[in-house]
PDB file of N, CA and C in Angstrom:
ATOM      1  N   UNK A   1     -30.622  11.431  -7.993  1.00  0.00           N
ATOM      2  CA  UNK A   1     -29.834  11.882  -6.605  1.00  0.00           C
ATOM      3  C   UNK A   1     -28.882  10.764  -6.289  1.00  0.00           C
ATOM      4  N   UNK A   2     -27.758  11.192  -5.773  1.00  0.00           N
ATOM      5  CA  UNK A   2     -26.735  10.459  -5.373  1.00  0.00           C
ATOM      6  C   UNK A   2     -26.339  10.929  -3.989  1.00  0.00           C
ATOM      7  N   UNK A   3     -25.957   9.642  -3.236  1.00  0.00           N
ATOM      8  CA  UNK A   3     -25.706   9.760  -1.848  1.00  0.00           C
ATOM      9  C   UNK A   3     -24.370   9.296  -1.224  1.00  0.00           C
ATOM     10  N   UNK A   4     -23.562   9.994  -0.519  1.00  0.00           N
ATOM     11  CA  UNK A   4     -22.556   9.604   0.111  1.00  0.00           C
ATOM     12  C   UNK A   4     -22.954   9.231   1.475  1.00  0.00           C
ATOM     13  N   UNK A   5     -22.438   8.224   2.049  1.00  0.00           N
ATOM     14  CA  UNK A   5     -23.140   7.819   3.487  1.00  0.00           C
ATOM     15  C   UNK A   5     -22.112   7.297   4.309  1.00  0.00           C
ATOM     16  N   UNK A   6     -22.346   7.306   5.474  1.00  0.00           N
ATOM     17  CA  UNK A   6     -21.549   6.406   6.623  1.00  0.00           C
ATOM     18  C   UNK A   6     -22.518   5.370   7.255  1.00  0.00           C
ATOM     19  N   UNK A   7     -21.991   4.328   7.505  1.00  0.00           N
ATOM     20  CA  UNK A   7     -22.599   3.338   8.316  1.00  0.00           C
ATOM     21  C   UNK A   7     -21.773   2.987   9.329  1.00  0.00           C
ATOM     22  N   UNK A   8     -22.281   2.724  10.608  1.00  0.00           N
ATOM     23  CA  UNK A   8     -21.583   2.482  11.982  1.00  0.00           C
ATOM     24  C   UNK A   8     -22.089   0.892  12.382  1.00  0.00           C
ATOM     25  N   UNK A   9     -21.047   0.227  12.540  1.00  0.00           N
ATOM     26  CA  UNK A   9     -21.467  -1.049  13.049  1.00  0.00           C
ATOM     27  C   UNK A   9     -21.680  -1.043  14.581  1.00  0.00           C
ATOM     28  N   UNK A  10     -22.916  -1.343  15.046  1.00  0.00           N
ATOM     29  CA  UNK A  10     -23.302  -1.371  16.369  1.00  0.00           C
ATOM     30  C   UNK A  10     -22.507  -2.340  17.389  1.00  0.00           C
ATOM     31  N   UNK A  11     -21.836  -3.318  16.847  1.00  0.00           N
ATOM     32  CA  UNK A  11     -21.014  -4.166  17.643  1.00  0.00           C
ATOM     33  C   UNK A  11     -19.796  -3.552  18.000  1.00  0.00           C
ATOM     34  N   UNK A  12     -18.882  -3.203  17.010  1.00  0.00           N
ATOM     35  CA  UNK A  12     -17.409  -2.695  17.051  1.00  0.00           C
ATOM     36  C   UNK A  12     -17.320  -1.247  16.851  1.00  0.00           C
ATOM     37  N   UNK A  13     -18.425  -0.633  16.355  1.00  0.00           N
ATOM     38  CA  UNK A  13     -18.396   1.063  16.201  1.00  0.00           C
ATOM     39  C   UNK A  13     -17.440   1.181  14.970  1.00  0.00           C
ATOM     40  N   UNK A  14     -17.104   0.373  14.077  1.00  0.00           N
ATOM     41  CA  UNK A  14     -16.068   0.575  13.142  1.00  0.00           C
ATOM     42  C   UNK A  14     -17.229   1.263  11.952  1.00  0.00           C
ATOM     43  N   UNK A  15     -16.817   2.048  10.994  1.00  0.00           N
ATOM     44  CA  UNK A  15     -17.428   2.759   9.921  1.00  0.00           C
ATOM     45  C   UNK A  15     -17.339   2.078   8.578  1.00  0.00           C
ATOM     46  N   UNK A  16     -18.280   2.402   7.829  1.00  0.00           N
ATOM     47  CA  UNK A  16     -18.180   2.099   6.299  1.00  0.00           C
ATOM     48  C   UNK A  16     -18.707   3.247   5.494  1.00  0.00           C
ATOM     49  N   UNK A  17     -17.764   3.832   4.794  1.00  0.00           N
ATOM     50  CA  UNK A  17     -18.050   4.869   3.971  1.00  0.00           C
ATOM     51  C   UNK A  17     -18.324   4.563   2.490  1.00  0.00           C
ATOM     52  N   UNK A  18     -19.410   4.843   1.821  1.00  0.00           N
ATOM     53  CA  UNK A  18     -19.833   4.651   0.636  1.00  0.00           C
ATOM     54  C   UNK A  18     -20.417   5.604  -0.363  1.00  0.00           C
ATOM     55  N   UNK A  19     -20.777   5.413  -1.501  1.00  0.00           N
ATOM     56  CA  UNK A  19     -21.672   6.280  -2.247  1.00  0.00           C
ATOM     57  C   UNK A  19     -22.728   5.239  -2.958  1.00  0.00           C
ATOM     58  N   UNK A  20     -23.781   5.916  -3.361  1.00  0.00           N
ATOM     59  CA  UNK A  20     -24.786   5.195  -4.081  1.00  0.00           C
ATOM     60  C   UNK A  20     -25.849   6.113  -4.809  1.00  0.00           C
ATOM     61  N   UNK A  21     -26.604   5.403  -5.644  1.00  0.00           N
ATOM     62  CA  UNK A  21     -27.756   6.279  -6.419  1.00  0.00           C
ATOM     63  C   UNK A  21     -29.169   6.027  -5.496  1.00  0.00           C
ATOM     64  N   UNK A  22     -29.014   4.793  -4.712  1.00  0.00           N
ATOM     65  CA  UNK A  22     -30.383   4.243  -3.941  1.00  0.00           C
ATOM     66  C   UNK A  22     -29.778   3.977  -2.490  1.00  0.00           C
ATOM     67  N   UNK A  23     -29.958   5.040  -1.915  1.00  0.00           N
ATOM     68  CA  UNK A  23     -29.649   4.931  -0.312  1.00  0.00           C
ATOM     69  C   UNK A  23     -30.150   3.689   0.541  1.00  0.00           C
ATOM     70  N   UNK A  24     -31.612   3.755   0.276  1.00  0.00           N
ATOM     71  CA  UNK A  24     -32.501   2.677   0.830  1.00  0.00           C
ATOM     72  C   UNK A  24     -31.938   1.456   0.654  1.00  0.00           C
ATOM     73  N   UNK A  25     -31.992   1.100  -0.608  1.00  0.00           N
ATOM     74  CA  UNK A  25     -31.637  -0.223  -1.195  1.00  0.00           C
ATOM     75  C   UNK A  25     -30.238  -0.610  -0.841  1.00  0.00           C
ATOM     76  N   UNK A  26     -29.221   0.259  -0.848  1.00  0.00           N
ATOM     77  CA  UNK A  26     -27.889   0.102  -0.506  1.00  0.00           C
ATOM     78  C   UNK A  26     -27.657  -0.457   0.999  1.00  0.00           C
ATOM     79  N   UNK A  27     -28.343   0.362   1.848  1.00  0.00           N
ATOM     80  CA  UNK A  27     -28.499   0.179   3.343  1.00  0.00           C
ATOM     81  C   UNK A  27     -29.030  -1.279   3.549  1.00  0.00           C
ATOM     82  N   UNK A  28     -29.963  -1.730   2.769  1.00  0.00           N
ATOM     83  CA  UNK A  28     -30.653  -2.927   3.064  1.00  0.00           C
ATOM     84  C   UNK A  28     -29.704  -4.023   2.736  1.00  0.00           C
ATOM     85  N   UNK A  29     -28.953  -3.767   1.573  1.00  0.00           N
ATOM     86  CA  UNK A  29     -27.881  -4.746   1.035  1.00  0.00           C
ATOM     87  C   UNK A  29     -26.935  -4.892   2.225  1.00  0.00           C
ATOM     88  N   UNK A  30     -26.398  -3.927   2.743  1.00  0.00           N
ATOM     89  CA  UNK A  30     -25.435  -3.928   3.788  1.00  0.00           C
ATOM     90  C   UNK A  30     -26.003  -4.850   4.924  1.00  0.00           C
ATOM     91  N   UNK A  31     -27.131  -4.415   5.334  1.00  0.00           N
ATOM     92  CA  UNK A  31     -27.659  -4.986   6.534  1.00  0.00           C
ATOM     93  C   UNK A  31     -27.724  -6.549   6.341  1.00  0.00           C
ATOM     94  N   UNK A  32     -27.942  -6.969   5.076  1.00  0.00           N
ATOM     95  CA  UNK A  32     -28.318  -8.386   4.784  1.00  0.00           C
ATOM     96  C   UNK A  32     -26.869  -9.038   4.371  1.00  0.00           C
ATOM     97  N   UNK A  33     -25.847  -8.379   4.510  1.00  0.00           N
ATOM     98  CA  UNK A  33     -24.517  -8.914   4.426  1.00  0.00           C
ATOM     99  C   UNK A  33     -24.194  -9.117   2.815  1.00  0.00           C
ATOM    100  N   UNK A  34     -24.796  -8.206   2.006  1.00  0.00           N
ATOM    101  CA  UNK A  34     -24.575  -8.308   0.447  1.00  0.00           C
ATOM    102  C   UNK A  34     -23.877  -7.102   0.278  1.00  0.00           C
ATOM    103  N   UNK A  35     -23.482  -5.984   1.186  1.00  0.00           N
ATOM    104  CA  UNK A  35     -23.226  -4.838   0.633  1.00  0.00           C
ATOM    105  C   UNK A  35     -21.664  -4.930   0.206  1.00  0.00           C
ATOM    106  N   UNK A  36     -20.728  -5.654   0.515  1.00  0.00           N
ATOM    107  CA  UNK A  36     -19.533  -5.589   0.074  1.00  0.00           C
ATOM    108  C   UNK A  36     -18.360  -6.392   1.050  1.00  0.00           C
ATOM    109  N   UNK A  37     -17.484  -6.459   0.999  1.00  0.00           N
ATOM    110  CA  UNK A  37     -16.373  -7.574   1.646  1.00  0.00           C
ATOM    111  C   UNK A  37     -16.397  -6.907   3.012  1.00  0.00           C
ATOM    112  N   UNK A  38     -16.260  -5.618   3.210  1.00  0.00           N
ATOM    113  CA  UNK A  38     -16.209  -5.083   4.514  1.00  0.00           C
ATOM    114  C   UNK A  38     -17.469  -5.216   5.380  1.00  0.00           C
ATOM    115  N   UNK A  39     -18.453  -4.746   4.858  1.00  0.00           N
ATOM    116  CA  UNK A  39     -19.792  -5.002   5.742  1.00  0.00           C
ATOM    117  C   UNK A  39     -20.544  -6.244   5.486  1.00  0.00           C
ATOM    118  N   UNK A  40     -20.074  -7.271   4.599  1.00  0.00           N
ATOM    119  CA  UNK A  40     -20.355  -8.655   4.663  1.00  0.00           C
ATOM    120  C   UNK A  40     -20.124  -9.451   5.658  1.00  0.00           C
ATOM    121  N   UNK A  41     -18.967  -9.121   6.298  1.00  0.00           N
ATOM    122  CA  UNK A  41     -18.320  -9.935   7.422  1.00  0.00           C
ATOM    123  C   UNK A  41     -18.933  -9.689   8.728  1.00  0.00           C
ATOM    124  N   UNK A  42     -19.803  -8.461   8.661  1.00  0.00           N
ATOM    125  CA  UNK A  42     -20.327  -8.067  10.033  1.00  0.00           C
ATOM    126  C   UNK A  42     -21.667  -7.900   9.825  1.00  0.00           C
ATOM    127  N   UNK A  43     -22.405  -7.894  10.885  1.00  0.00           N
ATOM    128  CA  UNK A  43     -23.816  -7.640  11.145  1.00  0.00           C
ATOM    129  C   UNK A  43     -24.087  -6.226  11.987  1.00  0.00           C
ATOM    130  N   UNK A  44     -25.309  -5.627  11.959  1.00  0.00           N
ATOM    131  CA  UNK A  44     -25.542  -4.704  12.811  1.00  0.00           C
ATOM    132  C   UNK A  44     -25.294  -3.369  12.230  1.00  0.00           C
ATOM    133  N   UNK A  45     -25.299  -3.058  10.955  1.00  0.00           N
ATOM    134  CA  UNK A  45     -25.063  -1.766  10.368  1.00  0.00           C
ATOM    135  C   UNK A  45     -26.033  -0.627  10.657  1.00  0.00           C
ATOM    136  N   UNK A  46     -25.891   0.635  10.910  1.00  0.00           N
ATOM    137  CA  UNK A  46     -26.716   1.647  11.048  1.00  0.00           C
ATOM    138  C   UNK A  46     -26.153   2.874  10.509  1.00  0.00           C
ATOM    139  N   UNK A  47     -27.278   3.730   9.593  1.00  0.00           N
ATOM    140  CA  UNK A  47     -26.865   4.885   8.771  1.00  0.00           C
ATOM    141  C   UNK A  47     -26.384   5.949   9.901  1.00  0.00           C
ATOM    142  N   UNK A  48     -25.469   6.650   9.811  1.00  0.00           N
ATOM    143  CA  UNK A  48     -25.316   7.565  10.882  1.00  0.00           C
ATOM    144  C   UNK A  48     -24.925   8.905  10.103  1.00  0.00           C
ATOM    145  N   UNK A  49     -24.807   8.954   8.870  1.00  0.00           N
ATOM    146  CA  UNK A  49     -24.478  10.307   8.243  1.00  0.00           C
ATOM    147  C   UNK A  49     -24.628  10.239   6.678  1.00  0.00           C
ATOM    148  N   UNK A  50     -25.253  10.910   6.094  1.00  0.00           N
ATOM    149  CA  UNK A  50     -25.381  11.078   4.621  1.00  0.00           C
ATOM    150  C   UNK A  50     -25.462  12.427   4.067  1.00  0.00           C
ATOM    151  N   UNK A  51     -24.903  12.561   2.854  1.00  0.00           N
ATOM    152  CA  UNK A  51     -24.957  13.906   2.049  1.00  0.00           C
ATOM    153  C   UNK A  51     -25.724  13.683   0.772  1.00  0.00           C
ATOM    154  N   UNK A  52     -26.333  14.264   0.182  1.00  0.00           N
ATOM    155  CA  UNK A  52     -26.808  14.264  -1.031  1.00  0.00           C
ATOM    156  C   UNK A  52     -26.397  15.047  -1.997  1.00  0.00           C
ATOM    157  N   UNK A  53     -26.125  14.548  -3.542  1.00  0.00           N
ATOM    158  CA  UNK A  53     -25.603  15.252  -4.594  1.00  0.00           C
ATOM    159  C   UNK A  53     -26.303  15.046  -5.721  1.00  0.00           C
ATOM    160  N   UNK A  54     -26.386  16.043  -6.676  1.00  0.00           N
ATOM    161  CA  UNK A  54     -27.265  15.919  -7.932  1.00  0.00           C
ATOM    162  C   UNK A  54     -26.324  15.050  -8.857  1.00  0.00           C
ATOM    163  N   UNK A  55     -24.939  15.345  -8.834  1.00  0.00           N
ATOM    164  CA  UNK A  55     -23.861  14.843  -9.790  1.00  0.00           C
ATOM    165  C   UNK A  55     -23.248  13.705  -9.176  1.00  0.00           C
ATOM    166  N   UNK A  56     -23.422  12.440  -9.993  1.00  0.00           N
ATOM    167  CA  UNK A  56     -22.479  11.206  -9.588  1.00  0.00           C
ATOM    168  C   UNK A  56     -21.101  11.369  -9.245  1.00  0.00           C
ATOM    169  N   UNK A  57     -20.506  12.257  -9.998  1.00  0.00           N
ATOM    170  CA  UNK A  57     -18.946  12.488  -9.818  1.00  0.00           C
ATOM    171  C   UNK A  57     -18.773  13.074  -8.506  1.00  0.00           C
ATOM    172  N   UNK A  58     -19.520  14.150  -8.033  1.00  0.00           N
ATOM    173  CA  UNK A  58     -19.306  14.795  -6.832  1.00  0.00           C
ATOM    174  C   UNK A  58     -19.702  13.925  -5.553  1.00  0.00           C
ATOM    175  N   UNK A  59     -20.555  12.809  -5.738  1.00  0.00           N
ATOM    176  CA  UNK A  59     -20.902  11.924  -4.572  1.00  0.00           C
ATOM    177  C   UNK A  59     -19.684  11.136  -4.624  1.00  0.00           C
ATOM    178  N   UNK A  60     -19.260  10.499  -5.489  1.00  0.00           N
ATOM    179  CA  UNK A  60     -18.171   9.596  -5.382  1.00  0.00           C
ATOM    180  C   UNK A  60     -16.793  10.239  -5.146  1.00  0.00           C
ATOM    181  N   UNK A  61     -16.739  11.555  -5.582  1.00  0.00           N
ATOM    182  CA  UNK A  61     -15.480  12.326  -5.054  1.00  0.00           C
ATOM    183  C   UNK A  61     -15.428  12.540  -3.530  1.00  0.00           C
ATOM    184  N   UNK A  62     -16.721  12.729  -3.040  1.00  0.00           N
ATOM    185  CA  UNK A  62     -16.901  13.115  -1.742  1.00  0.00           C
ATOM    186  C   UNK A  62     -16.457  11.818  -0.920  1.00  0.00           C
ATOM    187  N   UNK A  63     -17.081  10.576  -1.424  1.00  0.00           N
ATOM    188  CA  UNK A  63     -16.575   9.328  -0.673  1.00  0.00           C
ATOM    189  C   UNK A  63     -15.256   9.152  -0.539  1.00  0.00           C
ATOM    190  N   UNK A  64     -14.426   9.459  -1.735  1.00  0.00           N
ATOM    191  CA  UNK A  64     -13.103   9.301  -1.687  1.00  0.00           C
ATOM    192  C   UNK A  64     -12.403  10.314  -0.699  1.00  0.00           C
ATOM    193  N   UNK A  65     -12.889  11.484  -0.491  1.00  0.00           N
ATOM    194  CA  UNK A  65     -12.187  12.459   0.425  1.00  0.00           C
ATOM    195  C   UNK A  65     -12.595  11.991   1.692  1.00  0.00           C
ATOM    196  N   UNK A  66     -13.857  11.498   2.115  1.00  0.00           N
ATOM    197  CA  UNK A  66     -14.200  11.154   3.455  1.00  0.00           C
ATOM    198  C   UNK A  66     -13.320   9.735   3.977  1.00  0.00           C
ATOM    199  N   UNK A  67     -12.854   9.224   2.954  1.00  0.00           N
ATOM    200  CA  UNK A  67     -11.998   7.941   3.323  1.00  0.00           C
ATOM    201  C   UNK A  67     -10.635   8.359   3.595  1.00  0.00           C
ATOM    202  N   UNK A  68     -10.120   9.613   3.355  1.00  0.00           N
ATOM    203  CA  UNK A  68      -8.834   9.977   3.563  1.00  0.00           C
ATOM    204  C   UNK A  68      -8.605  10.516   4.952  1.00  0.00           C
ATOM    205  N   UNK A  69      -7.468  11.029   5.241  1.00  0.00           N
ATOM    206  CA  UNK A  69      -7.070  11.542   6.680  1.00  0.00           C
ATOM    207  C   UNK A  69      -7.831  12.782   6.858  1.00  0.00           C
ATOM    208  N   UNK A  70      -7.894  13.635   5.930  1.00  0.00           N
ATOM    209  CA  UNK A  70      -8.486  14.919   6.070  1.00  0.00           C
ATOM    210  C   UNK A  70      -9.868  14.761   6.312  1.00  0.00           C
ATOM    211  N   UNK A  71     -10.608  13.763   5.438  1.00  0.00           N
ATOM    212  CA  UNK A  71     -11.984  13.401   5.492  1.00  0.00           C
ATOM    213  C   UNK A  71     -12.463  12.808   6.688  1.00  0.00           C
ATOM    214  N   UNK A  72     -11.550  12.115   7.451  1.00  0.00           N
ATOM    215  CA  UNK A  72     -11.833  11.419   8.673  1.00  0.00           C
ATOM    216  C   UNK A  72     -11.829  12.483   9.776  1.00  0.00           C
ATOM    217  N   UNK A  73     -11.019  13.553   9.653  1.00  0.00           N
ATOM    218  CA  UNK A  73     -10.829  14.685  10.672  1.00  0.00           C
ATOM    219  C   UNK A  73     -12.094  15.278  10.546  1.00  0.00           C
ATOM    220  N   UNK A  74     -12.581  15.830   9.234  1.00  0.00           N
ATOM    221  CA  UNK A  74     -13.932  16.363   9.127  1.00  0.00           C
ATOM    222  C   UNK A  74     -14.970  15.714   9.744  1.00  0.00           C
ATOM    223  N   UNK A  75     -15.111  14.441   9.472  1.00  0.00           N
ATOM    224  CA  UNK A  75     -16.255  13.685  10.055  1.00  0.00           C
ATOM    225  C   UNK A  75     -16.191  13.557  11.578  1.00  0.00           C
ATOM    226  N   UNK A  76     -15.076  13.531  12.150  1.00  0.00           N
ATOM    227  CA  UNK A  76     -15.015  13.561  13.522  1.00  0.00           C
ATOM    228  C   UNK A  76     -15.450  14.843  14.185  1.00  0.00           C
ATOM    229  N   UNK A  77     -15.225  16.143  13.439  1.00  0.00           N
ATOM    230  CA  UNK A  77     -15.736  17.406  13.806  1.00  0.00           C
ATOM    231  C   UNK A  77     -17.261  17.438  13.610  1.00  0.00           C
ATOM    232  N   UNK A  78     -17.461  16.964  12.296  1.00  0.00           N
ATOM    233  CA  UNK A  78     -19.050  16.999  12.012  1.00  0.00           C
ATOM    234  C   UNK A  78     -19.843  16.171  12.775  1.00  0.00           C
ATOM    235  N   UNK A  79     -19.429  15.057  13.201  1.00  0.00           N
ATOM    236  CA  UNK A  79     -20.284  14.157  14.287  1.00  0.00           C
ATOM    237  C   UNK A  79     -19.837  14.258  15.666  1.00  0.00           C
ATOM    238  N   UNK A  80     -19.500  15.368  16.057  1.00  0.00           N
ATOM    239  CA  UNK A  80     -18.862  15.533  17.592  1.00  0.00           C
ATOM    240  C   UNK A  80     -19.745  14.918  18.630  1.00  0.00           C
ATOM    241  N   UNK A  81     -21.050  15.741  18.479  1.00  0.00           N
ATOM    242  CA  UNK A  81     -22.161  15.266  19.363  1.00  0.00           C
ATOM    243  C   UNK A  81     -22.509  13.990  19.433  1.00  0.00           C
ATOM    244  N   UNK A  82     -22.571  13.186  18.295  1.00  0.00           N
ATOM    245  CA  UNK A  82     -22.810  11.872  18.206  1.00  0.00           C
ATOM    246  C   UNK A  82     -21.961  10.917  18.713  1.00  0.00           C
ATOM    247  N   UNK A  83     -20.437  11.289  18.555  1.00  0.00           N
ATOM    248  CA  UNK A  83     -19.434  10.617  19.067  1.00  0.00           C
ATOM    249  C   UNK A  83     -19.000  10.739  20.556  1.00  0.00           C
ATOM    250  N   UNK A  84     -19.734  11.889  21.084  1.00  0.00           N
ATOM    251  CA  UNK A  84     -19.309  12.036  22.519  1.00  0.00           C
ATOM    252  C   UNK A  84     -20.181  11.142  23.414  1.00  0.00           C
TER     253      UNK A  84
END
């Protein structure tokens, strides 16, 4: 199983969008500052959204879409109650 996910920084409310085959491990890496350049500079990340895929290419393709302008608009609609 592959996952596309969104983390939100609890301090400045910025988002990180990623994809992985091991969601739990990847979130732990982000929280320890070993996730990547973006999440490594900040602390306090929490999972706010995820989608599961059987195919790796589908998960990483979805990650790419969610990082686009259309994808960001989709997420704002999808998470409207959370963001309110």
